[in-house]
C-alpha atoms as a PDB file:
ATOM      1  CA  MET A   1      12.673  16.973  13.759  1.00  0.00           C
ATOM      2  CA  THR A   2      12.208  19.488  10.544  1.00  0.00           C
ATOM      3  CA  GLY A   3      11.338  18.784   6.881  1.00  0.00           C
ATOM      4  CA  MET A   4      10.893  21.448   3.879  1.00  0.00           C
ATOM      5  CA  PRO A   5       8.266  21.231   1.421  1.00  0.00           C
ATOM      6  CA  HIS A   6       9.103  19.315  -1.914  1.00  0.00           C
ATOM      7  CA  ALA A   7       8.577  21.064  -5.176  1.00  0.00           C
ATOM      8  CA  GLU A   8       5.462  19.250  -6.668  1.00  0.00           C
ATOM      9  CA  HIS A   9       4.979  19.189 -10.542  1.00  0.00           C
ATOM     10  CA  PRO A  10       2.721  22.051 -11.991  1.00  0.00           C
ATOM     11  CA  ALA A  11      -0.304  21.314 -14.568  1.00  0.00           C
ATOM     12  CA  THR A  12      -1.894  24.486 -16.195  1.00  0.00           C
ATOM     13  CA  PRO A  13      -6.210  24.006 -15.280  1.00  0.00           C
ATOM     14  CA  GLY A  14      -8.083  23.155 -18.335  1.00  0.00           C
ATOM     15  CA  THR A  15      -5.591  21.072 -20.188  1.00  0.00           C
ATOM     16  CA  PRO A  16      -6.394  17.440 -20.987  1.00  0.00           C
ATOM     17  CA  PRO A  17      -5.232  14.880 -18.876  1.00  0.00           C
ATOM     18  CA  THR A  18      -1.260  13.969 -19.791  1.00  0.00           C
ATOM     19  CA  ALA A  19       1.078  11.117 -18.436  1.00  0.00           C
ATOM     20  CA  ALA A  20       2.913  14.018 -16.180  1.00  0.00           C
ATOM     21  CA  ASP A  21      -0.141  13.303 -14.242  1.00  0.00           C
ATOM     22  CA  SER A  22       0.209   9.973 -13.856  1.00  0.00           C
ATOM     23  CA  SER A  23       3.642   9.935 -13.223  1.00  0.00           C
ATOM     24  CA  ALA A  24       2.759  12.303 -10.445  1.00  0.00           C
ATOM     25  CA  GLY A  25      -0.026  10.049  -8.816  1.00  0.00           C
ATOM     26  CA  ILE A  26      -2.743  11.512 -10.098  1.00  0.00           C
ATOM     27  CA  SER A  27      -4.610   9.034 -13.099  1.00  0.00           C
ATOM     28  CA  LEU A  28      -5.655  10.167 -16.366  1.00  0.00           C
ATOM     29  CA  GLU A  29      -9.160   9.402 -15.082  1.00  0.00           C
ATOM     30  CA  ALA A  30      -8.959  11.146 -11.766  1.00  0.00           C
ATOM     31  CA  ALA A  31      -7.063  13.950 -13.265  1.00  0.00           C
ATOM     32  CA  ALA A  32     -10.163  14.211 -16.049  1.00  0.00           C
ATOM     33  CA  ARG A  33     -12.147  13.759 -13.032  1.00  0.00           C
ATOM     34  CA  ALA A  34     -11.224  17.045 -11.369  1.00  0.00           C
ATOM     35  CA  ARG A  35     -10.497  19.378 -14.071  1.00  0.00           C
ATOM     36  CA  GLY A  36     -14.117  17.972 -14.737  1.00  0.00           C
ATOM     37  CA  VAL A  37     -15.500  19.702 -11.600  1.00  0.00           C
ATOM     38  CA  ASP A  38     -12.964  22.685 -11.850  1.00  0.00           C
ATOM     39  CA  LEU A  39     -10.468  21.405  -9.278  1.00  0.00           C
ATOM     40  CA  PRO A  40      -6.738  22.238  -9.438  1.00  0.00           C
ATOM     41  CA  THR A  41      -3.810  19.752 -10.100  1.00  0.00           C
ATOM     42  CA  GLY A  42       0.030  19.955  -9.615  1.00  0.00           C
ATOM     43  CA  GLU A  43       1.347  22.880  -7.713  1.00  0.00           C
ATOM     44  CA  ALA A  44      -1.471  24.850  -7.649  1.00  0.00           C
ATOM     45  CA  LYS A  45      -3.469  21.790  -6.032  1.00  0.00           C
ATOM     46  CA  THR A  46      -0.740  21.905  -3.655  1.00  0.00           C
ATOM     47  CA  GLU A  47      -0.807  25.582  -2.292  1.00  0.00           C
ATOM     48  CA  LEU A  48      -4.502  25.328  -2.230  1.00  0.00           C
ATOM     49  CA  VAL A  49      -4.868  22.556   0.405  1.00  0.00           C
ATOM     50  CA  ARG A  50      -1.889  24.149   2.294  1.00  0.00           C
ATOM     51  CA  SER A  51      -3.438  27.753   2.686  1.00  0.00           C
ATOM     52  CA  MET A  52      -6.876  25.670   2.948  1.00  0.00           C
ATOM     53  CA  PHE A  53      -5.894  23.740   5.898  1.00  0.00           C
ATOM     54  CA  ASP A  54      -3.942  26.640   7.745  1.00  0.00           C
ATOM     55  CA  ALA A  55      -7.132  28.613   7.277  1.00  0.00           C
ATOM     56  CA  ILE A  56      -9.211  26.017   8.923  1.00  0.00           C
ATOM     57  CA  ALA A  57      -6.957  24.677  11.633  1.00  0.00           C
ATOM     58  CA  PRO A  58      -8.469  26.824  14.642  1.00  0.00           C
ATOM     59  CA  ARG A  59     -11.857  24.949  14.212  1.00  0.00           C
ATOM     60  CA  TYR A  60     -11.370  21.796  12.226  1.00  0.00           C
ATOM     61  CA  ASP A  61     -11.735  19.305  15.435  1.00  0.00           C
ATOM     62  CA  LEU A  62     -15.399  21.244  16.210  1.00  0.00           C
ATOM     63  CA  VAL A  63     -16.178  20.937  12.371  1.00  0.00           C
ATOM     64  CA  ASN A  64     -15.059  17.307  11.776  1.00  0.00           C
ATOM     65  CA  ARG A  65     -17.433  15.983  15.190  1.00  0.00           C
ATOM     66  CA  THR A  66     -20.335  18.685  13.673  1.00  0.00           C
ATOM     67  CA  MET A  67     -20.199  16.704  10.186  1.00  0.00           C
ATOM     68  CA  THR A  68     -19.971  13.455  11.355  1.00  0.00           C
ATOM     69  CA  PHE A  69     -21.765  13.160  14.520  1.00  0.00           C
ATOM     70  CA  GLY A  70     -18.594  12.266  16.169  1.00  0.00           C
ATOM     71  CA  LEU A  71     -17.844   9.140  14.205  1.00  0.00           C
ATOM     72  CA  ASP A  72     -14.660  10.405  12.756  1.00  0.00           C
ATOM     73  CA  VAL A  73     -13.488   9.430  16.395  1.00  0.00           C
ATOM     74  CA  ARG A  74     -15.210   5.861  15.908  1.00  0.00           C
ATOM     75  CA  TRP A  75     -13.082   5.343  12.321  1.00  0.00           C
ATOM     76  CA  ARG A  76     -10.182   6.291  13.858  1.00  0.00           C
ATOM     77  CA  LYS A  77     -10.424   4.198  16.752  1.00  0.00           C
ATOM     78  CA  GLN A  78     -10.961   1.289  14.134  1.00  0.00           C
ATOM     79  CA  SER A  79      -8.520   2.308  12.140  1.00  0.00           C
ATOM     80  CA  LEU A  80      -5.863   1.929  14.745  1.00  0.00           C
ATOM     81  CA  ARG A  81      -7.088  -1.648  15.690  1.00  0.00           C
ATOM     82  CA  ALA A  82      -6.779  -2.681  12.435  1.00  0.00           C
ATOM     83  CA  LEU A  83      -2.673  -1.463  12.130  1.00  0.00           C
ATOM     84  CA  GLY A  84      -2.437  -4.525  14.788  1.00  0.00           C
ATOM     85  CA  LEU A  85       0.794  -3.676  15.918  1.00  0.00           C
ATOM     86  CA  PRO A  86       2.415  -3.930  19.142  1.00  0.00           C
ATOM     87  CA  ALA A  87       2.729  -1.635  21.529  1.00  0.00           C
ATOM     88  CA  GLY A  88       5.992   0.654  21.706  1.00  0.00           C
ATOM     89  CA  SER A  89       6.489   0.247  17.844  1.00  0.00           C
ATOM     90  CA  THR A  90       7.334   3.387  16.052  1.00  0.00           C
ATOM     91  CA  VAL A  91       3.878   5.437  13.992  1.00  0.00           C
ATOM     92  CA  LEU A  92       4.069   7.849  11.660  1.00  0.00           C
ATOM     93  CA  ASP A  93       0.736   9.633  11.624  1.00  0.00           C
ATOM     94  CA  LEU A  94       0.823  11.601   7.779  1.00  0.00           C
ATOM     95  CA  ALA A  95      -1.140  14.765   7.506  1.00  0.00           C
ATOM     96  CA  CYS A  96      -1.563  14.966  11.349  1.00  0.00           C
ATOM     97  CA  GLY A  97      -3.595  17.652  11.363  1.00  0.00           C
ATOM     98  CA  THR A  98      -4.182  18.446  15.194  1.00  0.00           C
ATOM     99  CA  GLY A  99      -3.526  15.433  16.478  1.00  0.00           C
ATOM    100  CA  ASP A 100      -6.571  13.197  16.847  1.00  0.00           C
ATOM    101  CA  PHE A 101      -4.656   9.963  15.617  1.00  0.00           C
ATOM    102  CA  LEU A 102      -1.710  11.197  17.505  1.00  0.00           C
ATOM    103  CA  LYS A 103      -3.850  10.959  20.983  1.00  0.00           C
ATOM    104  CA  LEU A 104      -5.001   7.262  20.545  1.00  0.00           C
ATOM    105  CA  LEU A 105      -1.314   6.123  18.945  1.00  0.00           C
ATOM    106  CA  GLU A 106      -0.265   7.684  22.049  1.00  0.00           C
ATOM    107  CA  ALA A 107      -2.935   6.003  24.636  1.00  0.00           C
ATOM    108  CA  GLY A 108      -2.254   2.907  22.752  1.00  0.00           C
ATOM    109  CA  GLY A 109       1.031   2.649  23.773  1.00  0.00           C
ATOM    110  CA  TYR A 110       2.701   3.452  20.175  1.00  0.00           C
ATOM    111  CA  ARG A 111       5.762   5.809  19.799  1.00  0.00           C
ATOM    112  CA  SER A 112       4.398   8.217  17.573  1.00  0.00           C
ATOM    113  CA  PHE A 113       5.527  10.875  15.848  1.00  0.00           C
ATOM    114  CA  GLY A 114       3.076  13.533  13.251  1.00  0.00           C
ATOM    115  CA  MET A 115       4.249  15.799  10.159  1.00  0.00           C
ATOM    116  CA  ASP A 116       1.796  18.020   7.998  1.00  0.00           C
ATOM    117  CA  LEU A 117       1.888  19.887   4.849  1.00  0.00           C
ATOM    118  CA  SER A 118      -0.090  23.075   6.790  1.00  0.00           C
ATOM    119  CA  TRP A 119       2.160  24.548   9.345  1.00  0.00           C
ATOM    120  CA  GLY A 120      -1.345  26.325  10.677  1.00  0.00           C
ATOM    121  CA  MET A 121      -2.490  22.520  11.492  1.00  0.00           C
ATOM    122  CA  LEU A 122       0.481  21.931  13.458  1.00  0.00           C
ATOM    123  CA  ALA A 123       0.484  24.927  15.762  1.00  0.00           C
ATOM    124  CA  ALA A 124      -2.898  24.074  16.579  1.00  0.00           C
ATOM    125  CA  ASN A 125      -1.740  20.837  17.250  1.00  0.00           C
ATOM    126  CA  HIS A 126      -0.619  20.674  21.100  1.00  0.00           C
ATOM    127  CA  THR A 127      -0.456  16.660  21.481  1.00  0.00           C
ATOM    128  CA  GLY A 128       3.065  16.955  22.747  1.00  0.00           C
ATOM    129  CA  SER A 129       4.018  14.363  20.107  1.00  0.00           C
ATOM    130  CA  PRO A 130       7.045  15.476  18.192  1.00  0.00           C
ATOM    131  CA  LEU A 131       6.027  16.899  14.439  1.00  0.00           C
ATOM    132  CA  ALA A 132       7.450  18.310  11.200  1.00  0.00           C
ATOM    133  CA  GLN A 133       6.244  19.916   8.241  1.00  0.00           C
ATOM    134  CA  ALA A 134       6.759  17.894   5.452  1.00  0.00           C
ATOM    135  CA  ASN A 135       5.261  17.046   1.857  1.00  0.00           C
ATOM    136  CA  GLY A 136       4.165  13.226   1.761  1.00  0.00           C
ATOM    137  CA  ALA A 137       6.169  12.752  -1.243  1.00  0.00           C
ATOM    138  CA  ALA A 138       9.280  13.479   0.299  1.00  0.00           C
ATOM    139  CA  LEU A 139       9.463  12.079   3.765  1.00  0.00           C
ATOM    140  CA  PRO A 140      12.478  13.710   6.301  1.00  0.00           C
ATOM    141  CA  VAL A 141      12.389   9.805   7.719  1.00  0.00           C
ATOM    142  CA  ALA A 142      15.137   7.193   7.773  1.00  0.00           C
ATOM    143  CA  THR A 143      14.554   3.990   5.136  1.00  0.00           C
ATOM    144  CA  GLY A 144      12.813   0.922   6.949  1.00  0.00           C
ATOM    145  CA  SER A 145      12.931   2.994  10.341  1.00  0.00           C
ATOM    146  CA  VAL A 146       8.763   3.084  11.262  1.00  0.00           C
ATOM    147  CA  ASP A 147       6.609   0.092  12.341  1.00  0.00           C
ATOM    148  CA  GLY A 148       3.766   1.740  10.474  1.00  0.00           C
ATOM    149  CA  VAL A 149       1.858   4.743   9.278  1.00  0.00           C
ATOM    150  CA  THR A 150      -1.458   6.057   9.587  1.00  0.00           C
ATOM    151  CA  CYS A 151      -3.204   8.607   7.704  1.00  0.00           C
ATOM    152  CA  GLY A 152      -7.158  10.066   8.048  1.00  0.00           C
ATOM    153  CA  TYR A 153      -8.802  11.819   5.248  1.00  0.00           C
ATOM    154  CA  ALA A 154      -5.683  13.042   3.379  1.00  0.00           C
ATOM    155  CA  LEU A 155      -5.098  10.554   0.252  1.00  0.00           C
ATOM    156  CA  ARG A 156      -7.434  13.153  -1.968  1.00  0.00           C
ATOM    157  CA  ASN A 157      -5.341  16.249  -0.476  1.00  0.00           C
ATOM    158  CA  PHE A 158      -2.030  14.937  -1.796  1.00  0.00           C
ATOM    159  CA  THR A 159      -0.257  16.075  -5.434  1.00  0.00           C
ATOM    160  CA  GLU A 160       1.445  13.122  -5.425  1.00  0.00           C
ATOM    161  CA  LEU A 161      -0.487  10.018  -4.351  1.00  0.00           C
ATOM    162  CA  ALA A 162       1.891   7.261  -5.758  1.00  0.00           C
ATOM    163  CA  GLU A 163       5.141   8.824  -4.504  1.00  0.00           C
ATOM    164  CA  VAL A 164       3.388   9.425  -0.749  1.00  0.00           C
ATOM    165  CA  PHE A 165       2.369   5.685  -1.365  1.00  0.00           C
ATOM    166  CA  ARG A 166       6.393   4.623  -2.848  1.00  0.00           C
ATOM    167  CA  GLU A 167       7.545   6.706   0.733  1.00  0.00           C
ATOM    168  CA  PHE A 168       5.243   4.588   2.647  1.00  0.00           C
ATOM    169  CA  GLY A 169       7.341   1.690   1.199  1.00  0.00           C
ATOM    170  CA  ARG A 170      10.557   3.136   1.551  1.00  0.00           C
ATOM    171  CA  ILE A 171      10.216   4.092   5.029  1.00  0.00           C
ATOM    172  CA  VAL A 172       7.908   1.169   6.777  1.00  0.00           C
ATOM    173  CA  ARG A 173       9.913  -2.208   7.738  1.00  0.00           C
ATOM    174  CA  PRO A 174       9.481  -5.565   6.124  1.00  0.00           C
ATOM    175  CA  GLY A 175       6.356  -6.658   7.834  1.00  0.00           C
ATOM    176  CA  GLY A 176       4.853  -3.156   8.871  1.00  0.00           C
ATOM    177  CA  ARG A 177       1.793  -2.029   8.355  1.00  0.00           C
ATOM    178  CA  ILE A 178       0.039   0.775   7.020  1.00  0.00           C
ATOM    179  CA  SER A 179      -4.133   2.329   7.686  1.00  0.00           C
ATOM    180  CA  LEU A 180      -5.266   4.686   6.126  1.00  0.00           C
ATOM    181  CA  LEU A 181      -9.009   6.575   6.521  1.00  0.00           C
ATOM    182  CA  GLU A 182     -10.572   8.163   3.566  1.00  0.00           C
ATOM    183  CA  VAL A 183     -14.062   9.141   2.697  1.00  0.00           C
ATOM    184  CA  SER A 184     -16.111   7.221   0.675  1.00  0.00           C
ATOM    185  CA  GLU A 185     -20.113   6.908  -0.616  1.00  0.00           C
ATOM    186  CA  PRO A 186     -22.327   4.538   0.835  1.00  0.00           C
ATOM    187  CA  ASP A 187     -23.397   1.632  -1.491  1.00  0.00           C
ATOM    188  CA  SER A 188     -27.296   1.442  -1.044  1.00  0.00           C
ATOM    189  CA  GLY A 189     -29.573   3.738  -2.893  1.00  0.00           C
ATOM    190  CA  LEU A 190     -31.187   5.513   0.328  1.00  0.00           C
ATOM    191  CA  LEU A 191     -28.567   5.920   2.202  1.00  0.00           C
ATOM    192  CA  LEU A 192     -26.748   6.962  -0.817  1.00  0.00           C
ATOM    193  CA  ALA A 193     -28.792   9.966  -1.512  1.00  0.00           C
ATOM    194  CA  GLY A 194     -29.342  10.943   1.633  1.00  0.00           C
ATOM    195  CA  HIS A 195     -25.290  11.055   2.014  1.00  0.00           C
ATOM    196  CA  ARG A 196     -24.838  13.333  -1.303  1.00  0.00           C
ATOM    197  CA  ILE A 197     -27.631  15.816   0.019  1.00  0.00           C
ATOM    198  CA  TRP A 198     -25.677  15.563   3.340  1.00  0.00           C
ATOM    199  CA  PHE A 199     -22.016  16.043   2.262  1.00  0.00           C
ATOM    200  CA  ARG A 200     -22.286  18.311  -0.937  1.00  0.00           C
ATOM    201  CA  ARG A 201     -25.065  20.607   0.584  1.00  0.00           C
ATOM    202  CA  VAL A 202     -25.350  20.629   4.706  1.00  0.00           C
ATOM    203  CA  VAL A 203     -21.637  20.006   5.041  1.00  0.00           C
ATOM    204  CA  PRO A 204     -20.589  23.117   3.261  1.00  0.00           C
ATOM    205  CA  LEU A 205     -23.130  25.499   5.175  1.00  0.00           C
ATOM    206  CA  ILE A 206     -21.816  23.883   8.163  1.00  0.00           C
ATOM    207  CA  GLY A 207     -17.943  24.496   7.459  1.00  0.00           C
ATOM    208  CA  GLY A 208     -19.419  28.074   6.316  1.00  0.00           C
ATOM    209  CA  LEU A 209     -21.066  28.904   9.612  1.00  0.00           C
ATOM    210  CA  LEU A 210     -18.336  27.585  11.913  1.00  0.00           C
ATOM    211  CA  SER A 211     -15.257  28.022   9.425  1.00  0.00           C
ATOM    212  CA  ASP A 212     -14.067  28.783   5.934  1.00  0.00           C
ATOM    213  CA  ARG A 213     -17.026  28.249   3.442  1.00  0.00           C
ATOM    214  CA  SER A 214     -14.742  28.417   0.446  1.00  0.00           C
ATOM    215  CA  ALA A 215     -12.548  25.170   1.523  1.00  0.00           C
ATOM    216  CA  TYR A 216     -16.045  23.184   3.427  1.00  0.00           C
ATOM    217  CA  ARG A 217     -17.314  23.782  -0.517  1.00  0.00           C
ATOM    218  CA  TYR A 218     -14.119  22.134  -1.878  1.00  0.00           C
ATOM    219  CA  LEU A 219     -14.196  19.045   0.462  1.00  0.00           C
ATOM    220  CA  PRO A 220     -17.188  17.607  -1.017  1.00  0.00           C
ATOM    221  CA  LYS A 221     -15.277  18.071  -4.901  1.00  0.00           C
ATOM    222  CA  SER A 222     -12.334  17.284  -3.348  1.00  0.00           C
ATOM    223  CA  THR A 223     -13.726  13.135  -4.096  1.00  0.00           C
ATOM    224  CA  ALA A 224     -12.765  13.507  -7.887  1.00  0.00           C
ATOM    225  CA  TYR A 225      -9.421  13.228  -6.484  1.00  0.00           C
ATOM    226  CA  LEU A 226      -9.625   9.601  -5.187  1.00  0.00           C
ATOM    227  CA  PRO A 227      -8.164   6.869  -7.824  1.00  0.00           C
ATOM    228  CA  SER A 228     -10.532   3.964  -7.814  1.00  0.00           C
ATOM    229  CA  THR A 229     -10.132   1.138  -5.190  1.00  0.00           C
ATOM    230  CA  ASP A 230      -8.894  -1.238  -7.806  1.00  0.00           C
ATOM    231  CA  GLU A 231      -6.149   1.630  -8.749  1.00  0.00           C
ATOM    232  CA  LEU A 232      -5.558   2.360  -4.681  1.00  0.00           C
ATOM    233  CA  ARG A 233      -4.633  -1.530  -4.766  1.00  0.00           C
ATOM    234  CA  THR A 234      -2.561  -1.211  -7.462  1.00  0.00           C
ATOM    235  CA  LEU A 235      -0.308   1.513  -6.345  1.00  0.00           C
ATOM    236  CA  LEU A 236       0.263   0.028  -3.234  1.00  0.00           C
ATOM    237  CA  GLN A 237       1.320  -3.083  -4.237  1.00  0.00           C
ATOM    238  CA  GLU A 238       3.540  -1.253  -6.503  1.00  0.00           C
ATOM    239  CA  SER A 239       5.074   0.899  -3.752  1.00  0.00           C
ATOM    240  CA  GLY A 240       6.119  -3.241  -1.849  1.00  0.00           C
ATOM    241  CA  PHE A 241       2.701  -3.759   0.000  1.00  0.00           C
ATOM    242  CA  SER A 242       0.716  -7.228   0.277  1.00  0.00           C
ATOM    243  CA  SER A 243      -2.604  -7.822   1.666  1.00  0.00           C
ATOM    244  CA  VAL A 244      -4.199  -4.795   0.286  1.00  0.00           C
ATOM    245  CA  ASN A 245      -7.629  -4.885   1.788  1.00  0.00           C
ATOM    246  CA  ARG A 246     -10.481  -2.054   1.663  1.00  0.00           C
ATOM    247  CA  ARG A 247     -13.686  -2.496   3.397  1.00  0.00           C
ATOM    248  CA  GLY A 248     -16.554   0.322   4.114  1.00  0.00           C
ATOM    249  CA  LEU A 249     -17.028   1.669   7.777  1.00  0.00           C
ATOM    250  CA  SER A 250     -20.668   2.616   9.139  1.00  0.00           C
ATOM    251  CA  GLY A 251     -22.579   1.808   5.802  1.00  0.00           C
ATOM    252  CA  GLY A 252     -19.772   3.083   3.033  1.00  0.00           C
ATOM    253  CA  LEU A 253     -19.607   6.653   5.073  1.00  0.00           C
ATOM    254  CA  SER A 254     -15.618   5.950   4.920  1.00  0.00           C
ATOM    255  CA  GLN A 255     -13.318   3.322   3.750  1.00  0.00           C
ATOM    256  CA  LEU A 256     -10.385   1.974   5.832  1.00  0.00           C
ATOM    257  CA  ILE A 257      -7.375   0.742   3.874  1.00  0.00           C
ATOM    258  CA  THR A 258      -5.061  -1.553   5.247  1.00  0.00           C
ATOM    259  CA  ALA A 259      -1.645  -3.022   3.796  1.00  0.00           C
ATOM    260  CA  THR A 260       1.498  -5.082   5.262  1.00  0.00           C
ATOM    261  CA  ARG A 261       4.999  -4.309   3.671  1.00  0.00           C
ATOM    262  CA  SER A 262       6.128  -6.956   1.679  1.00  0.00           C
ATOM    263  CA  GLY A 263       9.773  -8.885   2.834  1.00  0.00           C
ATOM    264  CA  ARG A 264      10.672 -10.810   6.048  1.00  0.00           C
ATOM    265  CA  PRO A 265      10.795  -8.985   9.005  1.00  0.00           C
END
C-alpha cells in the first residue's frame, strides 16, 4: 500500500484566525488558542508534526510507557473493546506510529492495516501489518471498504481535523465504528493540579532525558489544538456519524471518543 502526503492549507503564524482555519478543520477558537501559545497552523504545523515524530520514533514506546506509568496500554485495550466489531473485521489504525494499536488489533482477530504521516514511525513499526505513508485528510482507501478506524492520541496533530473526519465517514461502511483516544484533563481540582504539574513540567523533562526535548515541550502545548467535546461531536455528526460518545478514562487523564457510521449496514 502506498500513499502520498496531501498538501495542507498554509497559514501565517501571528495573523488573526480566519475562515480558512475553520475550513481546514481547526475551529476559530482552537486556532486562536494555538496562536496564543505560539503554535503553528496550516502547512507549518504539518511539517513540524512530521519532522517531530520522525525524530522521536526510536524511543517513542519507552517514553510513552514511562510518562503514563503504562496506563496507555490499558487505555488502548479499553478503546479496542469500545470498537465493538466482530473478529475478522477490517480496521484501519490511523497515525499508527510504532504499532501499539496494530498489535492489539491483530491479537483480537481483526484484519488491520496502519497509516502514518511520519516515515520514521513507519520505519520503527515492526508489527508485520500492511503499512502506508499518508495524510489523514486524503486517505488512499476505497469508499466504504473498512469496518472501523482506531486512532491513538493524534487528533490534536492533524492539521485538517474536519477533513480527517470526513475521510472517516467516506471509508467506513454504514454501521461501522470508530474509536479514538486523545489526551484530556481531569475534572477534580486536586487531580487536575497534579496532572498539570506532571504533564506541563515533568513530561517535557522525561522526554528531554530519554528522547527529544523540543518534541516533548510541544506535547503539553498541543492540547490547544483540540476542539471542545461539543465541537468534536458536531464535526463527527456532520461527517456522517451517529451515537457519538465521549468518556473520560482513569479519572479524565485520557478521553475515548466512539461513534457509529450512519446508514443501513
